[in-house]
């Protein structure tokens, strides 16, 4: 199991990698290696987000899957977490 801080760092790293390759794909849309890299990092990110939300609750408003309560506000905000 990974702790909250490590999972968030992992997701941020993956977000950065996805954004960077997306910029490359804007000018090289048929580059197979870049497309594979993009898909790989998207899958890794989704796995990390799924694990985070299972353990700690919604990471974004889109992760609130409960129909009976609004869990988004139950977790500490990013700036409220201790280092």
PDB file of N, CA and C in Angstrom:
ATOM      1  N   UNK A   1       0.844  -1.184   0.000  1.00  0.00           N
ATOM      2  CA  UNK A   1       0.000   0.000   0.000  1.00  0.00           C
ATOM      3  C   UNK A   1       0.889   1.248   0.000  1.00  0.00           C
ATOM      4  N   UNK A   2       0.456   2.258  -0.672  1.00  0.00           N
ATOM      5  CA  UNK A   2       1.197   3.503  -0.788  1.00  0.00           C
ATOM      6  C   UNK A   2       0.515   4.572   0.065  1.00  0.00           C
ATOM      7  N   UNK A   3       1.306   5.436   0.701  1.00  0.00           N
ATOM      8  CA  UNK A   3       0.697   6.478   1.513  1.00  0.00           C
ATOM      9  C   UNK A   3       0.174   7.621   0.642  1.00  0.00           C
ATOM     10  N   UNK A   4      -0.653   8.454   1.255  1.00  0.00           N
ATOM     11  CA  UNK A   4      -1.342   9.538   0.547  1.00  0.00           C
ATOM     12  C   UNK A   4      -0.361  10.463  -0.187  1.00  0.00           C
ATOM     13  N   UNK A   5       0.680  10.889   0.504  1.00  0.00           N
ATOM     14  CA  UNK A   5       1.642  11.828  -0.088  1.00  0.00           C
ATOM     15  C   UNK A   5       2.347  11.200  -1.297  1.00  0.00           C
ATOM     16  N   UNK A   6       2.743   9.953  -1.176  1.00  0.00           N
ATOM     17  CA  UNK A   6       3.421   9.266  -2.282  1.00  0.00           C
ATOM     18  C   UNK A   6       2.500   9.094  -3.483  1.00  0.00           C
ATOM     19  N   UNK A   7       1.242   8.751  -3.216  1.00  0.00           N
ATOM     20  CA  UNK A   7       0.283   8.604  -4.312  1.00  0.00           C
ATOM     21  C   UNK A   7       0.051   9.933  -5.028  1.00  0.00           C
ATOM     22  N   UNK A   8      -0.096  11.012  -4.256  1.00  0.00           N
ATOM     23  CA  UNK A   8      -0.289  12.328  -4.877  1.00  0.00           C
ATOM     24  C   UNK A   8       0.917  12.728  -5.720  1.00  0.00           C
ATOM     25  N   UNK A   9       2.113  12.463  -5.209  1.00  0.00           N
ATOM     26  CA  UNK A   9       3.321  12.788  -5.972  1.00  0.00           C
ATOM     27  C   UNK A   9       3.357  11.973  -7.266  1.00  0.00           C
ATOM     28  N   UNK A  10       3.019  10.703  -7.167  1.00  0.00           N
ATOM     29  CA  UNK A  10       2.992   9.843  -8.347  1.00  0.00           C
ATOM     30  C   UNK A  10       1.998  10.376  -9.386  1.00  0.00           C
ATOM     31  N   UNK A  11       0.819  10.783  -8.941  1.00  0.00           N
ATOM     32  CA  UNK A  11      -0.193  11.327  -9.851  1.00  0.00           C
ATOM     33  C   UNK A  11       0.293  12.626 -10.478  1.00  0.00           C
ATOM     34  N   UNK A  12       0.947  13.482  -9.712  1.00  0.00           N
ATOM     35  CA  UNK A  12       1.464  14.744 -10.259  1.00  0.00           C
ATOM     36  C   UNK A  12       2.550  14.495 -11.311  1.00  0.00           C
ATOM     37  N   UNK A  13       3.415  13.540 -11.057  1.00  0.00           N
ATOM     38  CA  UNK A  13       4.458  13.188 -12.033  1.00  0.00           C
ATOM     39  C   UNK A  13       3.806  12.680 -13.314  1.00  0.00           C
ATOM     40  N   UNK A  14       2.811  11.829 -13.167  1.00  0.00           N
ATOM     41  CA  UNK A  14       2.129  11.296 -14.343  1.00  0.00           C
ATOM     42  C   UNK A  14       1.379  12.387 -15.093  1.00  0.00           C
ATOM     43  N   UNK A  15       0.744  13.311 -14.372  1.00  0.00           N
ATOM     44  CA  UNK A  15       0.076  14.440 -15.015  1.00  0.00           C
ATOM     45  C   UNK A  15       1.065  15.250 -15.850  1.00  0.00           C
ATOM     46  N   UNK A  16       2.247  15.505 -15.285  1.00  0.00           N
ATOM     47  CA  UNK A  16       3.267  16.273 -16.002  1.00  0.00           C
ATOM     48  C   UNK A  16       3.693  15.542 -17.272  1.00  0.00           C
ATOM     49  N   UNK A  17       3.962  14.244 -17.157  1.00  0.00           N
ATOM     50  CA  UNK A  17       4.390  13.465 -18.323  1.00  0.00           C
ATOM     51  C   UNK A  17       3.312  13.458 -19.400  1.00  0.00           C
ATOM     52  N   UNK A  18       2.063  13.336 -18.996  1.00  0.00           N
ATOM     53  CA  UNK A  18       0.953  13.327 -19.955  1.00  0.00           C
ATOM     54  C   UNK A  18       0.846  14.673 -20.660  1.00  0.00           C
ATOM     55  N   UNK A  19       0.973  15.756 -19.910  1.00  0.00           N
ATOM     56  CA  UNK A  19       0.898  17.089 -20.515  1.00  0.00           C
ATOM     57  C   UNK A  19       2.032  17.322 -21.513  1.00  0.00           C
ATOM     58  N   UNK A  20       3.221  16.893 -21.139  1.00  0.00           N
ATOM     59  CA  UNK A  20       4.373  17.084 -22.013  1.00  0.00           C
ATOM     60  C   UNK A  20       4.231  16.296 -23.316  1.00  0.00           C
ATOM     61  N   UNK A  21       3.838  15.043 -23.209  1.00  0.00           N
ATOM     62  CA  UNK A  21       3.700  14.244 -24.433  1.00  0.00           C
ATOM     63  C   UNK A  21       2.517  14.745 -25.266  1.00  0.00           C
ATOM     64  N   UNK A  22       1.486  15.285 -24.599  1.00  0.00           N
ATOM     65  CA  UNK A  22       0.358  15.849 -25.345  1.00  0.00           C
ATOM     66  C   UNK A  22       0.807  17.034 -26.195  1.00  0.00           C
ATOM     67  N   UNK A  23       1.700  17.855 -25.659  1.00  0.00           N
ATOM     68  CA  UNK A  23       2.232  18.978 -26.449  1.00  0.00           C
ATOM     69  C   UNK A  23       3.008  18.466 -27.666  1.00  0.00           C
ATOM     70  N   UNK A  24       3.792  17.421 -27.474  1.00  0.00           N
ATOM     71  CA  UNK A  24       4.528  16.817 -28.587  1.00  0.00           C
ATOM     72  C   UNK A  24       3.555  16.250 -29.619  1.00  0.00           C
ATOM     73  N   UNK A  25       2.510  15.574 -29.142  1.00  0.00           N
ATOM     74  CA  UNK A  25       1.536  14.976 -30.058  1.00  0.00           C
ATOM     75  C   UNK A  25       0.744  16.032 -30.836  1.00  0.00           C
ATOM     76  N   UNK A  26       0.653  17.240 -30.303  1.00  0.00           N
ATOM     77  CA  UNK A  26      -0.013  18.316 -31.048  1.00  0.00           C
ATOM     78  C   UNK A  26       0.675  18.574 -32.381  1.00  0.00           C
ATOM     79  N   UNK A  27       1.986  18.396 -32.415  1.00  0.00           N
ATOM     80  CA  UNK A  27       2.739  18.638 -33.650  1.00  0.00           C
ATOM     81  C   UNK A  27       3.187  17.353 -34.344  1.00  0.00           C
ATOM     82  N   UNK A  28       3.032  16.216 -33.668  1.00  0.00           N
ATOM     83  CA  UNK A  28       3.425  14.915 -34.231  1.00  0.00           C
ATOM     84  C   UNK A  28       2.319  13.890 -33.951  1.00  0.00           C
ATOM     85  N   UNK A  29       1.122  14.108 -34.462  1.00  0.00           N
ATOM     86  CA  UNK A  29      -0.033  13.305 -34.069  1.00  0.00           C
ATOM     87  C   UNK A  29       0.018  11.828 -34.460  1.00  0.00           C
ATOM     88  N   UNK A  30       0.922  11.448 -35.320  1.00  0.00           N
ATOM     89  CA  UNK A  30       0.991  10.049 -35.743  1.00  0.00           C
ATOM     90  C   UNK A  30       2.228   9.320 -35.226  1.00  0.00           C
ATOM     91  N   UNK A  31       2.912   9.926 -34.290  1.00  0.00           N
ATOM     92  CA  UNK A  31       4.112   9.314 -33.734  1.00  0.00           C
ATOM     93  C   UNK A  31       3.699   8.153 -32.823  1.00  0.00           C
ATOM     94  N   UNK A  32       3.987   6.951 -33.264  1.00  0.00           N
ATOM     95  CA  UNK A  32       3.526   5.756 -32.547  1.00  0.00           C
ATOM     96  C   UNK A  32       4.140   5.620 -31.157  1.00  0.00           C
ATOM     97  N   UNK A  33       5.416   5.958 -31.022  1.00  0.00           N
ATOM     98  CA  UNK A  33       6.060   5.864 -29.705  1.00  0.00           C
ATOM     99  C   UNK A  33       5.430   6.850 -28.723  1.00  0.00           C
ATOM    100  N   UNK A  34       5.175   8.050 -29.187  1.00  0.00           N
ATOM    101  CA  UNK A  34       4.567   9.059 -28.321  1.00  0.00           C
ATOM    102  C   UNK A  34       3.138   8.662 -27.949  1.00  0.00           C
ATOM    103  N   UNK A  35       2.400   8.121 -28.889  1.00  0.00           N
ATOM    104  CA  UNK A  35       1.038   7.671 -28.602  1.00  0.00           C
ATOM    105  C   UNK A  35       1.034   6.533 -27.583  1.00  0.00           C
ATOM    106  N   UNK A  36       1.974   5.605 -27.722  1.00  0.00           N
ATOM    107  CA  UNK A  36       2.076   4.496 -26.768  1.00  0.00           C
ATOM    108  C   UNK A  36       2.462   5.020 -25.381  1.00  0.00           C
ATOM    109  N   UNK A  37       3.387   5.972 -25.346  1.00  0.00           N
ATOM    110  CA  UNK A  37       3.805   6.590 -24.084  1.00  0.00           C
ATOM    111  C   UNK A  37       2.610   7.260 -23.407  1.00  0.00           C
ATOM    112  N   UNK A  38       1.854   8.012 -24.199  1.00  0.00           N
ATOM    113  CA  UNK A  38       0.667   8.703 -23.701  1.00  0.00           C
ATOM    114  C   UNK A  38      -0.324   7.706 -23.105  1.00  0.00           C
ATOM    115  N   UNK A  39      -0.633   6.650 -23.832  1.00  0.00           N
ATOM    116  CA  UNK A  39      -1.586   5.646 -23.352  1.00  0.00           C
ATOM    117  C   UNK A  39      -1.079   4.946 -22.087  1.00  0.00           C
ATOM    118  N   UNK A  40       0.213   4.662 -22.060  1.00  0.00           N
ATOM    119  CA  UNK A  40       0.815   4.014 -20.898  1.00  0.00           C
ATOM    120  C   UNK A  40       0.685   4.886 -19.650  1.00  0.00           C
ATOM    121  N   UNK A  41       1.010   6.166 -19.777  1.00  0.00           N
ATOM    122  CA  UNK A  41       0.936   7.069 -18.630  1.00  0.00           C
ATOM    123  C   UNK A  41      -0.500   7.358 -18.217  1.00  0.00           C
ATOM    124  N   UNK A  42      -1.409   7.392 -19.173  1.00  0.00           N
ATOM    125  CA  UNK A  42      -2.825   7.555 -18.821  1.00  0.00           C
ATOM    126  C   UNK A  42      -3.301   6.374 -17.989  1.00  0.00           C
ATOM    127  N   UNK A  43      -2.911   5.165 -18.382  1.00  0.00           N
ATOM    128  CA  UNK A  43      -3.312   3.961 -17.644  1.00  0.00           C
ATOM    129  C   UNK A  43      -2.696   3.953 -16.246  1.00  0.00           C
ATOM    130  N   UNK A  44      -1.406   4.311 -16.144  1.00  0.00           N
ATOM    131  CA  UNK A  44      -0.757   4.366 -14.836  1.00  0.00           C
ATOM    132  C   UNK A  44      -1.425   5.406 -13.938  1.00  0.00           C
ATOM    133  N   UNK A  45      -1.744   6.553 -14.511  1.00  0.00           N
ATOM    134  CA  UNK A  45      -2.390   7.612 -13.742  1.00  0.00           C
ATOM    135  C   UNK A  45      -3.755   7.158 -13.250  1.00  0.00           C
ATOM    136  N   UNK A  46      -4.524   6.530 -14.124  1.00  0.00           N
ATOM    137  CA  UNK A  46      -5.859   6.079 -13.722  1.00  0.00           C
ATOM    138  C   UNK A  46      -5.783   5.053 -12.599  1.00  0.00           C
ATOM    139  N   UNK A  47      -4.806   4.167 -12.685  1.00  0.00           N
ATOM    140  CA  UNK A  47      -4.616   3.169 -11.626  1.00  0.00           C
ATOM    141  C   UNK A  47      -4.280   3.860 -10.299  1.00  0.00           C
ATOM    142  N   UNK A  48      -3.402   4.855 -10.345  1.00  0.00           N
ATOM    143  CA  UNK A  48      -3.023   5.588  -9.133  1.00  0.00           C
ATOM    144  C   UNK A  48      -4.209   6.376  -8.577  1.00  0.00           C
ATOM    145  N   UNK A  49      -4.990   7.008  -9.450  1.00  0.00           N
ATOM    146  CA  UNK A  49      -6.169   7.764  -9.003  1.00  0.00           C
ATOM    147  C   UNK A  49      -7.187   6.808  -8.379  1.00  0.00           C
ATOM    148  N   UNK A  50      -7.402   5.663  -9.013  1.00  0.00           N
ATOM    149  CA  UNK A  50      -8.340   4.682  -8.461  1.00  0.00           C
ATOM    150  C   UNK A  50      -7.903   4.234  -7.067  1.00  0.00           C
ATOM    151  N   UNK A  51      -6.619   3.977  -6.902  1.00  0.00           N
ATOM    152  CA  UNK A  51      -6.099   3.556  -5.594  1.00  0.00           C
ATOM    153  C   UNK A  51      -6.256   4.677  -4.566  1.00  0.00           C
ATOM    154  N   UNK A  52      -5.898   5.899  -4.976  1.00  0.00           N
ATOM    155  CA  UNK A  52      -6.022   7.044  -4.070  1.00  0.00           C
ATOM    156  C   UNK A  52      -7.473   7.201  -3.609  1.00  0.00           C
ATOM    157  N   UNK A  53      -8.407   7.172  -4.554  1.00  0.00           N
ATOM    158  CA  UNK A  53      -9.807   7.403  -4.211  1.00  0.00           C
ATOM    159  C   UNK A  53     -10.381   6.260  -3.370  1.00  0.00           C
ATOM    160  N   UNK A  54      -9.902   5.069  -3.585  1.00  0.00           N
ATOM    161  CA  UNK A  54     -10.344   3.928  -2.767  1.00  0.00           C
ATOM    162  C   UNK A  54      -9.898   4.104  -1.314  1.00  0.00           C
ATOM    163  N   UNK A  55      -8.680   4.598  -1.135  1.00  0.00           N
ATOM    164  CA  UNK A  55      -8.112   4.745   0.204  1.00  0.00           C
ATOM    165  C   UNK A  55      -8.491   6.049   0.897  1.00  0.00           C
ATOM    166  N   UNK A  56      -8.535   7.153   0.145  1.00  0.00           N
ATOM    167  CA  UNK A  56      -8.636   8.470   0.765  1.00  0.00           C
ATOM    168  C   UNK A  56      -9.843   9.304   0.341  1.00  0.00           C
ATOM    169  N   UNK A  57     -10.640   8.812  -0.580  1.00  0.00           N
ATOM    170  CA  UNK A  57     -11.793   9.575  -1.041  1.00  0.00           C
ATOM    171  C   UNK A  57     -11.497  10.282  -2.346  1.00  0.00           C
ATOM    172  N   UNK A  58     -12.475  11.032  -2.846  1.00  0.00           N
ATOM    173  CA  UNK A  58     -12.349  11.668  -4.164  1.00  0.00           C
ATOM    174  C   UNK A  58     -11.146  12.605  -4.263  1.00  0.00           C
ATOM    175  N   UNK A  59     -10.437  12.490  -5.353  1.00  0.00           N
ATOM    176  CA  UNK A  59      -9.305  13.373  -5.640  1.00  0.00           C
ATOM    177  C   UNK A  59      -9.800  14.656  -6.305  1.00  0.00           C
ATOM    178  N   UNK A  60     -10.834  14.530  -7.108  1.00  0.00           N
ATOM    179  CA  UNK A  60     -11.481  15.673  -7.764  1.00  0.00           C
ATOM    180  C   UNK A  60     -12.990  15.504  -7.608  1.00  0.00           C
ATOM    181  N   UNK A  61     -13.747  16.484  -8.018  1.00  0.00           N
ATOM    182  CA  UNK A  61     -15.205  16.370  -7.927  1.00  0.00           C
ATOM    183  C   UNK A  61     -15.724  15.224  -8.787  1.00  0.00           C
ATOM    184  N   UNK A  62     -14.979  14.839  -9.802  1.00  0.00           N
ATOM    185  CA  UNK A  62     -15.412  13.755 -10.675  1.00  0.00           C
ATOM    186  C   UNK A  62     -15.289  12.396  -9.996  1.00  0.00           C
ATOM    187  N   UNK A  63     -14.555  12.322  -8.888  1.00  0.00           N
ATOM    188  CA  UNK A  63     -14.386  11.067  -8.168  1.00  0.00           C
ATOM    189  C   UNK A  63     -15.468  10.809  -7.144  1.00  0.00           C
ATOM    190  N   UNK A  64     -16.400  11.736  -6.990  1.00  0.00           N
ATOM    191  CA  UNK A  64     -17.481  11.550  -6.022  1.00  0.00           C
ATOM    192  C   UNK A  64     -18.549  10.650  -6.641  1.00  0.00           C
ATOM    193  N   UNK A  65     -18.521   9.379  -6.262  1.00  0.00           N
ATOM    194  CA  UNK A  65     -19.441   8.420  -6.866  1.00  0.00           C
ATOM    195  C   UNK A  65     -20.655   8.112  -5.995  1.00  0.00           C
ATOM    196  N   UNK A  66     -20.681   8.600  -4.787  1.00  0.00           N
ATOM    197  CA  UNK A  66     -21.806   8.334  -3.894  1.00  0.00           C
ATOM    198  C   UNK A  66     -23.026   9.126  -4.344  1.00  0.00           C
ATOM    199  N   UNK A  67     -24.159   8.466  -4.368  1.00  0.00           N
ATOM    200  CA  UNK A  67     -25.409   9.149  -4.713  1.00  0.00           C
ATOM    201  C   UNK A  67     -26.097   9.709  -3.470  1.00  0.00           C
ATOM    202  N   UNK A  68     -25.624   9.302  -2.301  1.00  0.00           N
ATOM    203  CA  UNK A  68     -26.313   9.714  -1.081  1.00  0.00           C
ATOM    204  C   UNK A  68     -25.575  10.779  -0.269  1.00  0.00           C
ATOM    205  N   UNK A  69     -24.293  11.020  -0.587  1.00  0.00           N
ATOM    206  CA  UNK A  69     -23.557  12.053   0.155  1.00  0.00           C
ATOM    207  C   UNK A  69     -22.456  12.662  -0.707  1.00  0.00           C
ATOM    208  N   UNK A  70     -22.096  13.883  -0.379  1.00  0.00           N
ATOM    209  CA  UNK A  70     -21.085  14.637  -1.113  1.00  0.00           C
ATOM    210  C   UNK A  70     -19.761  14.501  -0.383  1.00  0.00           C
ATOM    211  N   UNK A  71     -18.959  13.484  -0.743  1.00  0.00           N
ATOM    212  CA  UNK A  71     -17.733  13.151  -0.026  1.00  0.00           C
ATOM    213  C   UNK A  71     -16.547  14.029  -0.414  1.00  0.00           C
ATOM    214  N   UNK A  72     -16.686  14.782  -1.464  1.00  0.00           N
ATOM    215  CA  UNK A  72     -15.600  15.619  -1.970  1.00  0.00           C
ATOM    216  C   UNK A  72     -15.039  16.529  -0.885  1.00  0.00           C
ATOM    217  N   UNK A  73     -15.881  17.031  -0.014  1.00  0.00           N
ATOM    218  CA  UNK A  73     -15.438  17.997   0.998  1.00  0.00           C
ATOM    219  C   UNK A  73     -14.913  17.350   2.276  1.00  0.00           C
ATOM    220  N   UNK A  74     -14.940  16.028   2.376  1.00  0.00           N
ATOM    221  CA  UNK A  74     -14.500  15.348   3.594  1.00  0.00           C
ATOM    222  C   UNK A  74     -12.987  15.222   3.711  1.00  0.00           C
ATOM    223  N   UNK A  75     -12.287  15.200   2.601  1.00  0.00           N
ATOM    224  CA  UNK A  75     -10.829  15.053   2.618  1.00  0.00           C
ATOM    225  C   UNK A  75     -10.168  16.407   2.814  1.00  0.00           C
ATOM    226  N   UNK A  76      -8.951  16.417   3.362  1.00  0.00           N
ATOM    227  CA  UNK A  76      -8.240  17.701   3.461  1.00  0.00           C
ATOM    228  C   UNK A  76      -7.910  18.234   2.060  1.00  0.00           C
ATOM    229  N   UNK A  77      -7.941  19.529   1.915  1.00  0.00           N
ATOM    230  CA  UNK A  77      -7.557  20.143   0.658  1.00  0.00           C
ATOM    231  C   UNK A  77      -6.045  19.992   0.505  1.00  0.00           C
ATOM    232  N   UNK A  78      -5.527  20.047  -0.709  1.00  0.00           N
ATOM    233  CA  UNK A  78      -4.077  19.857  -0.900  1.00  0.00           C
ATOM    234  C   UNK A  78      -3.219  20.756  -0.026  1.00  0.00           C
ATOM    235  N   UNK A  79      -3.614  21.990   0.196  1.00  0.00           N
ATOM    236  CA  UNK A  79      -2.804  22.925   1.001  1.00  0.00           C
ATOM    237  C   UNK A  79      -2.974  22.673   2.502  1.00  0.00           C
ATOM    238  N   UNK A  80      -3.928  21.816   2.876  1.00  0.00           N
ATOM    239  CA  UNK A  80      -4.119  21.495   4.286  1.00  0.00           C
ATOM    240  C   UNK A  80      -3.315  20.279   4.736  1.00  0.00           C
ATOM    241  N   UNK A  81      -2.726  19.576   3.793  1.00  0.00           N
ATOM    242  CA  UNK A  81      -1.960  18.381   4.145  1.00  0.00           C
ATOM    243  C   UNK A  81      -0.586  18.760   4.669  1.00  0.00           C
ATOM    244  N   UNK A  82      -0.148  18.034   5.679  1.00  0.00           N
ATOM    245  CA  UNK A  82       1.172  18.289   6.250  1.00  0.00           C
ATOM    246  C   UNK A  82       2.248  17.660   5.382  1.00  0.00           C
ATOM    247  N   UNK A  83       3.432  18.266   5.374  1.00  0.00           N
ATOM    248  CA  UNK A  83       4.548  17.719   4.607  1.00  0.00           C
ATOM    249  C   UNK A  83       5.185  16.567   5.307  1.00  0.00           C
TER     250      UNK A  83
END
